[in-house]
Amino acid sequence: MFRAMNVAAVAAAASSLTIPLSKDTSNRNIAGEHAALCAKYGAEVPSVPITNFENAQYYGPVTIGTPPQHFKVIFDTGSSNLWVPGPKPSIVGHNRYHSEASSTFKANGTKFAIRYGSGELEGIIDTDVVSIAGLNVTINFGEATKMPGITWDVAKFDGICGMGWPSIAVDHVTPPFFSLLAQQKIKTGTFAFYLTSDGTDGELTIGGSNPAHHDDEFSYVPVSKKGYWELKGDDVSFNKKSIGTNIKAVMDSGTSLLAFPKKIAKEINSQLGCQEGVTGECTYTTCPKDNTLPDLELTMLGKTYTLQQKDYIMKVQDQCLSGFMGIDVPPPMGPVWIFGDVFMRKYYLEFDVPN
């Protein structure tokens, strides 16, 4: 079950089961994000090299091992594995997991590989104690031994913590949140994202939601496929015109934009009047005047979720760019419509596993 409601403009309440989420908006590179997204969902990967992977993302802390080793990870509903760098990759400026320094480490040794736009990230599976929001759980996770390209050198996070369903986990590893449930570390099988747009920290709440972040009742939408957090969208409209019906809508906290089928994204950007570059971003030479562009509307179970110009036009380093990009995911999985952080900043989302 997926739940959504409007974000409330109030301060966060303190909780022992919340994780602060910091935002990285440096060196935005849409080509890099697009390549990573294509690889993630099995679309054709473009030949443009990644120079800055998944920038403008929200990341938070986890610790691994005894004594704890600290890492910053993206909590990603579009994947299901936890991985962090080990000692071997030739990267700089990142925390690394040292198994020999942990008294609770247990060797596993199974090899894993995750495909990204710059090549395959490779490593081995380890077992150790992981702490998420202060909750300790013994799980299998990935220790990266090969991280191709300069992608990871410029990223401000160390690794990824997948929040998706077990069916898409590499090597059938149980995802961290499902391990928390199985080991009875939390009573409620829900988590909720509060993402900010003003530069302040966001929040991931484990085992519930934070009432300080919403001002309305939740609307419930059932998950249509347990893999990615995929929902059935009745209709998507732009400028009051339907552009898709009965769509596969994926809620993805690891994607900063709205990634729609290429033809649709191109038509939207054409109406927005931005100039699409060779690297995939659609930018403006002069930012559009406020309240001059159409609304995007997603309808699910009779309720409409609206994104206005102020939600989908982003200002990055004094430049405005469109929040829409194209991705063609082939059948049977696709086509999909990916609603990333642009959507999740507007609506407070709770992800409900049991229901």
Protein backbone atom coordinates (compact mmCIF):
# COMPACT_ATOMS: atom_id res chain seq x y z
CA MET A 1 0.00 0.00 0.00
CA PHE A 2 1.15 3.51 -0.84
CA ARG A 3 -0.18 6.56 0.95
CA ALA A 4 0.15 10.21 -0.02
CA MET A 5 -0.88 13.57 1.37
CA ASN A 6 0.05 17.19 1.11
CA VAL A 7 3.21 18.25 2.91
CA ALA A 8 2.63 20.48 5.89
CA ALA A 9 4.78 23.57 6.38
CA VAL A 10 5.61 22.87 10.03
CA ALA A 11 8.70 21.87 11.98
CA ALA A 12 9.73 18.25 12.46
CA ALA A 13 9.00 16.47 15.72
CA ALA A 14 11.86 14.64 17.41
CA SER A 15 11.78 10.86 17.15
CA SER A 16 14.22 8.02 17.81
CA LEU A 17 13.10 6.33 14.60
CA THR A 18 13.83 9.11 12.15
CA ILE A 19 16.81 9.65 9.88
CA PRO A 20 17.82 13.17 8.77
CA LEU A 21 18.18 13.42 5.00
CA SER A 22 20.72 15.88 3.63
CA LYS A 23 20.51 17.20 0.07
CA ASP A 24 23.28 17.30 -2.52
CA THR A 25 22.61 19.74 -5.35
CA SER A 26 26.18 20.24 -6.52
CA ASN A 27 27.35 19.80 -10.11
CA ARG A 28 24.03 18.66 -11.56
CA ASN A 29 24.50 16.45 -14.60
CA ILE A 30 21.27 15.21 -16.16
CA ALA A 31 23.16 12.96 -18.57
CA GLY A 32 24.71 11.10 -15.65
CA GLU A 33 21.42 10.70 -13.85
CA HIS A 34 19.68 9.61 -17.05
CA ALA A 35 22.30 6.93 -17.75
CA ALA A 36 22.04 5.59 -14.21
CA LEU A 37 18.24 5.56 -14.41
CA CYS A 38 18.25 3.67 -17.72
CA ALA A 39 20.52 1.02 -16.26
CA LYS A 40 18.43 0.75 -13.12
CA TYR A 41 15.17 0.07 -15.00
CA GLY A 42 16.59 -1.94 -17.87
CA ALA A 43 16.22 0.71 -20.55
CA GLU A 44 18.80 1.24 -23.29
CA VAL A 45 21.80 2.95 -21.71
CA PRO A 46 23.03 6.01 -23.63
CA SER A 47 26.67 6.33 -24.60
CA VAL A 48 27.20 9.63 -22.76
CA PRO A 49 29.59 8.93 -19.86
CA ILE A 50 28.47 9.60 -16.31
CA THR A 51 30.38 12.39 -14.65
CA ASN A 52 28.14 12.95 -11.65
CA PHE A 53 25.81 10.14 -10.60
CA GLU A 54 22.38 10.91 -9.12
CA ASN A 55 23.14 14.40 -7.95
CA ALA A 56 20.53 16.49 -6.14
CA GLN A 57 19.73 13.42 -4.08
CA TYR A 58 18.84 13.05 -0.43
CA TYR A 59 21.12 10.93 1.72
CA GLY A 60 21.28 9.95 5.38
CA PRO A 61 23.43 8.03 7.87
CA VAL A 62 23.82 4.33 8.61
CA THR A 63 26.52 2.51 10.54
CA ILE A 64 27.95 -0.95 9.91
CA GLY A 65 29.98 -3.17 12.20
CA THR A 66 31.24 -3.20 15.80
CA PRO A 67 32.49 -0.63 16.64
CA PRO A 68 30.28 1.27 14.20
CA GLN A 69 31.69 2.48 10.89
CA HIS A 70 29.79 5.48 9.51
CA PHE A 71 28.36 5.91 6.00
CA LYS A 72 26.10 8.30 4.09
CA VAL A 73 23.64 6.48 1.82
CA ILE A 74 20.79 7.30 -0.52
CA PHE A 75 17.61 5.61 0.71
CA ASP A 76 16.32 4.43 -2.66
CA THR A 77 12.82 2.99 -3.17
CA GLY A 78 13.89 2.07 -6.73
CA SER A 79 16.35 -0.63 -5.63
CA SER A 80 16.61 -3.24 -2.88
CA ASN A 81 20.26 -3.74 -1.89
CA LEU A 82 22.47 -2.04 0.67
CA TRP A 83 26.05 -1.55 -0.48
CA VAL A 84 29.01 0.60 0.59
CA PRO A 85 32.62 0.85 -0.61
CA GLY A 86 35.24 -1.54 0.70
CA PRO A 87 39.01 -0.85 0.81
CA LYS A 88 39.73 -1.81 -2.82
CA PRO A 89 38.06 0.79 -5.10
CA SER A 90 40.32 3.65 -6.16
CA ILE A 91 37.98 6.41 -5.02
CA VAL A 92 38.66 9.45 -2.87
CA GLY A 93 36.73 11.27 -0.18
CA HIS A 94 34.48 8.39 0.90
CA ASN A 95 34.12 6.22 3.95
CA ARG A 96 35.00 2.57 3.40
CA TYR A 97 33.94 -0.60 5.16
CA HIS A 98 36.79 -2.52 6.78
CA SER A 99 35.62 -6.01 7.72
CA GLU A 100 38.78 -6.74 9.71
CA ALA A 101 37.92 -3.85 12.04
CA SER A 102 34.49 -5.27 12.99
CA SER A 103 34.09 -7.92 15.69
CA THR A 104 30.62 -8.82 14.36
CA PHE A 105 31.69 -9.37 10.72
CA LYS A 106 30.93 -12.77 9.19
CA ALA A 107 32.33 -13.78 5.83
CA ASN A 108 29.93 -14.67 3.04
CA GLY A 109 31.95 -14.10 -0.13
CA THR A 110 29.15 -14.34 -2.69
CA LYS A 111 29.95 -12.08 -5.63
CA PHE A 112 27.50 -9.41 -6.74
CA ALA A 113 27.28 -6.89 -9.58
CA ILE A 114 24.96 -3.94 -10.12
CA ARG A 115 24.83 -2.28 -13.52
CA TYR A 116 25.07 1.49 -13.73
CA GLY A 117 25.55 3.81 -16.69
CA SER A 118 29.34 3.89 -16.24
CA GLY A 119 29.68 0.11 -16.01
CA GLU A 120 29.14 -2.60 -13.44
CA LEU A 121 29.70 -1.96 -9.78
CA GLU A 122 31.17 -5.19 -8.44
CA GLY A 123 31.81 -6.62 -5.00
CA ILE A 124 31.18 -9.35 -2.46
CA ILE A 125 28.41 -10.00 0.04
CA ASP A 126 29.30 -9.54 3.73
CA THR A 127 27.31 -10.12 6.91
CA ASP A 128 27.45 -7.66 9.80
CA VAL A 129 25.38 -5.52 12.16
CA VAL A 130 23.82 -2.52 10.43
CA SER A 131 22.24 0.34 12.35
CA ILE A 132 19.41 2.27 10.68
CA ALA A 133 17.71 5.01 12.70
CA GLY A 134 19.28 3.53 15.81
CA LEU A 135 17.90 0.05 15.11
CA ASN A 136 20.52 -2.71 14.94
CA VAL A 137 19.91 -5.56 12.52
CA THR A 138 22.24 -8.32 11.29
CA ILE A 139 22.01 -8.51 7.50
CA ASN A 140 23.81 -9.37 4.28
CA PHE A 141 25.01 -6.33 2.35
CA GLY A 142 27.35 -5.48 -0.50
CA GLU A 143 30.99 -4.49 -0.07
CA ALA A 144 31.98 -2.82 -3.34
CA THR A 145 35.38 -3.83 -4.71
CA LYS A 146 35.10 -2.12 -8.12
CA MET A 147 33.42 1.25 -8.74
CA PRO A 148 33.99 2.30 -12.38
CA GLY A 149 34.42 5.85 -13.61
CA ILE A 150 34.81 9.11 -11.70
CA THR A 151 31.12 8.97 -10.79
CA TRP A 152 31.74 8.07 -7.19
CA ASP A 153 34.59 10.53 -6.63
CA VAL A 154 32.26 13.51 -7.02
CA ALA A 155 29.26 12.04 -5.16
CA LYS A 156 28.69 13.24 -1.60
CA PHE A 157 27.19 9.93 -0.50
CA ASP A 158 29.06 6.68 0.06
CA GLY A 159 26.54 4.04 -1.02
CA ILE A 160 22.91 3.05 -1.55
CA CYS A 161 20.33 1.61 0.85
CA GLY A 162 17.58 0.02 -1.23
CA MET A 163 14.02 0.34 0.11
CA GLY A 164 12.35 -1.67 -2.68
CA TRP A 165 10.79 -5.14 -2.54
CA PRO A 166 12.81 -8.39 -2.22
CA SER A 167 11.95 -9.53 -5.76
CA ILE A 168 14.34 -7.00 -7.33
CA ALA A 169 17.22 -7.53 -4.87
CA VAL A 170 20.50 -8.63 -6.47
CA ASP A 171 21.55 -12.15 -5.35
CA HIS A 172 18.20 -12.52 -3.52
CA VAL A 173 19.54 -10.63 -0.51
CA THR A 174 16.82 -9.57 1.93
CA PRO A 175 16.47 -5.76 1.78
CA PRO A 176 17.34 -3.89 4.99
CA PHE A 177 13.80 -2.73 5.79
CA PHE A 178 12.43 -6.25 5.34
CA SER A 179 15.17 -7.52 7.66
CA LEU A 180 14.04 -5.02 10.30
CA LEU A 181 10.54 -6.46 9.97
CA ALA A 182 11.65 -10.10 10.00
CA GLN A 183 13.84 -9.59 13.07
CA GLN A 184 10.99 -7.72 14.82
CA LYS A 185 12.97 -4.52 15.25
CA ILE A 186 9.92 -2.46 14.29
CA LYS A 187 6.25 -2.98 15.07
CA THR A 188 4.83 -1.30 11.96
CA GLY A 189 5.95 -2.20 8.46
CA THR A 190 5.84 1.36 7.12
CA PHE A 191 8.30 4.11 6.31
CA ALA A 192 7.75 7.67 5.13
CA PHE A 193 9.79 10.28 3.27
CA TYR A 194 9.74 14.01 3.96
CA LEU A 195 11.82 15.78 1.30
CA THR A 196 12.52 19.49 1.44
CA SER A 197 13.00 22.13 -1.23
CA ASP A 198 14.51 24.91 0.90
CA GLY A 199 17.92 23.40 1.58
CA THR A 200 17.08 22.17 5.07
CA ASP A 201 17.33 18.52 6.08
CA GLY A 202 14.53 16.17 5.11
CA GLU A 203 13.54 13.08 7.05
CA LEU A 204 12.98 9.35 6.63
CA THR A 205 10.73 7.88 9.32
CA ILE A 206 11.09 4.15 9.98
CA GLY A 207 8.13 2.21 11.40
CA GLY A 208 5.47 4.86 10.82
CA SER A 209 5.05 8.46 9.69
CA ASN A 210 5.53 11.84 11.32
CA PRO A 211 2.27 13.78 11.82
CA ALA A 212 4.26 17.00 11.94
CA HIS A 213 4.79 16.70 8.19
CA HIS A 214 1.23 16.51 6.90
CA ASP A 215 -1.95 18.50 7.22
CA ASP A 216 -4.50 16.13 5.71
CA GLU A 217 -5.67 12.51 5.74
CA PHE A 218 -3.66 9.95 3.80
CA SER A 219 -4.99 8.73 0.46
CA TYR A 220 -4.39 5.01 -0.09
CA VAL A 221 -3.28 3.41 -3.35
CA PRO A 222 -2.50 -0.34 -3.59
CA VAL A 223 0.81 -1.50 -5.01
CA SER A 224 0.14 -3.10 -8.40
CA LYS A 225 3.44 -4.99 -8.56
CA LYS A 226 5.80 -5.85 -5.70
CA GLY A 227 9.21 -5.03 -7.10
CA TYR A 228 9.61 -1.34 -7.52
CA TRP A 229 6.92 0.66 -5.72
CA GLU A 230 4.65 0.50 -8.76
CA LEU A 231 1.09 1.84 -8.74
CA LYS A 232 -1.68 2.01 -11.30
CA GLY A 233 -2.27 5.54 -12.52
CA ASP A 234 -5.71 6.08 -14.00
CA ASP A 235 -4.70 9.15 -15.96
CA VAL A 236 -1.89 11.67 -16.44
CA SER A 237 -2.72 15.04 -17.95
CA PHE A 238 -0.68 18.09 -18.88
CA ASN A 239 -2.26 21.43 -19.67
CA LYS A 240 -5.67 19.81 -19.12
CA LYS A 241 -5.02 17.23 -21.85
CA SER A 242 -4.67 13.53 -21.12
CA ILE A 243 -1.22 12.22 -22.08
CA GLY A 244 -1.52 8.70 -20.63
CA THR A 245 -4.09 6.31 -19.16
CA ASN A 246 -3.74 3.13 -17.08
CA ILE A 247 -0.06 3.83 -16.62
CA LYS A 248 2.57 2.11 -14.47
CA ALA A 249 3.53 4.84 -12.00
CA VAL A 250 6.71 4.16 -10.00
CA MET A 251 7.48 6.15 -6.83
CA ASP A 252 11.28 6.38 -6.75
CA SER A 253 13.13 8.32 -4.03
CA GLY A 254 16.42 7.61 -5.82
CA THR A 255 15.45 9.64 -8.90
CA SER A 256 15.48 13.42 -8.70
CA LEU A 257 13.23 14.14 -11.72
CA LEU A 258 10.07 12.92 -13.45
CA ALA A 259 11.08 10.28 -16.00
CA PHE A 260 8.34 9.61 -18.54
CA PRO A 261 8.34 7.78 -21.90
CA LYS A 262 10.60 9.72 -24.25
CA LYS A 263 7.88 10.83 -26.66
CA ILE A 264 5.76 12.16 -23.80
CA ALA A 265 8.68 13.94 -22.09
CA LYS A 266 9.71 15.53 -25.38
CA GLU A 267 6.18 16.83 -26.00
CA ILE A 268 5.97 18.28 -22.48
CA ASN A 269 9.35 19.99 -22.75
CA SER A 270 8.36 21.39 -26.12
CA GLN A 271 5.31 23.00 -24.52
CA LEU A 272 7.47 24.30 -21.69
CA GLY A 273 9.70 26.12 -24.17
CA CYS A 274 13.02 24.89 -22.83
CA GLN A 275 15.96 23.91 -25.03
CA GLU A 276 16.93 20.25 -24.88
CA GLY A 277 20.68 19.67 -24.89
CA VAL A 278 22.66 16.71 -26.19
CA THR A 279 23.16 15.46 -22.63
CA GLY A 280 19.42 15.23 -21.96
CA GLU A 281 18.70 18.29 -19.85
CA CYS A 282 16.12 20.82 -21.00
CA THR A 283 17.17 24.30 -19.91
CA TYR A 284 16.15 27.93 -20.30
CA THR A 285 18.30 30.84 -21.37
CA THR A 286 15.90 32.98 -19.33
CA CYS A 287 13.81 31.53 -16.51
CA PRO A 288 10.07 31.53 -17.28
CA LYS A 289 7.87 33.98 -15.42
CA ASP A 290 6.10 32.55 -12.39
CA ASN A 291 2.70 30.91 -12.90
CA THR A 292 2.89 30.92 -16.70
CA LEU A 293 3.26 27.18 -17.36
CA PRO A 294 0.61 24.40 -17.23
CA ASP A 295 -0.06 21.95 -14.42
CA LEU A 296 0.70 18.24 -14.51
CA GLU A 297 -1.99 16.04 -12.95
CA LEU A 298 -1.76 12.38 -11.91
CA THR A 299 -5.06 10.70 -11.03
CA MET A 300 -5.17 7.51 -8.94
CA LEU A 301 -8.36 5.98 -7.52
CA GLY A 302 -10.28 9.15 -8.24
CA LYS A 303 -7.87 11.51 -6.46
CA THR A 304 -5.78 13.97 -8.44
CA TYR A 305 -2.24 14.93 -7.49
CA THR A 306 -1.16 18.21 -9.07
CA LEU A 307 2.32 19.52 -9.83
CA GLN A 308 2.58 23.20 -10.65
CA GLN A 309 5.32 25.15 -12.39
CA LYS A 310 6.97 25.94 -9.04
CA ASP A 311 7.20 22.17 -8.38
CA TYR A 312 8.69 20.95 -11.68
CA ILE A 313 10.84 23.88 -12.82
CA MET A 314 14.10 23.80 -10.86
CA LYS A 315 16.63 26.53 -10.34
CA VAL A 316 20.20 25.25 -10.21
CA GLN A 317 23.11 27.67 -10.01
CA ASP A 318 21.07 30.57 -11.43
CA GLN A 319 19.78 28.44 -14.30
CA CYS A 320 16.28 27.04 -14.74
CA LEU A 321 15.69 23.54 -16.05
CA SER A 322 12.74 21.26 -16.63
CA GLY A 323 11.97 18.47 -14.19
CA PHE A 324 10.95 16.14 -17.05
CA MET A 325 13.23 13.71 -18.86
CA GLY A 326 12.62 10.77 -21.17
CA ILE A 327 13.19 7.08 -20.56
CA ASP A 328 11.88 4.14 -22.60
CA VAL A 329 11.69 0.95 -20.54
CA PRO A 330 10.85 -2.04 -22.77
CA PRO A 331 8.05 -4.53 -22.07
CA PRO A 332 7.14 -6.47 -20.06
CA MET A 333 8.27 -4.11 -17.33
CA GLY A 334 7.66 -0.94 -19.29
CA PRO A 335 6.61 1.51 -20.28
CA VAL A 336 6.86 3.13 -16.84
CA TRP A 337 6.32 6.65 -15.56
CA ILE A 338 8.79 7.39 -12.77
CA PHE A 339 7.80 9.94 -10.16
CA GLY A 340 10.95 10.95 -8.34
CA ASP A 341 11.85 13.67 -5.87
CA VAL A 342 10.00 16.36 -7.86
CA PHE A 343 6.78 14.58 -6.86
CA MET A 344 7.94 13.53 -3.39
CA ARG A 345 8.81 17.09 -2.37
CA LYS A 346 5.18 18.07 -3.00
CA TYR A 347 3.53 15.04 -1.39
CA TYR A 348 4.41 13.29 1.86
CA LEU A 349 4.59 9.58 1.03
CA GLU A 350 4.20 6.63 3.38
CA PHE A 351 5.15 3.17 2.07
CA ASP A 352 3.13 0.41 3.74
CA VAL A 353 4.54 -3.10 3.29
CA PRO A 354 1.93 -5.27 5.13
CA ASN A 355 -1.06 -3.64 3.47
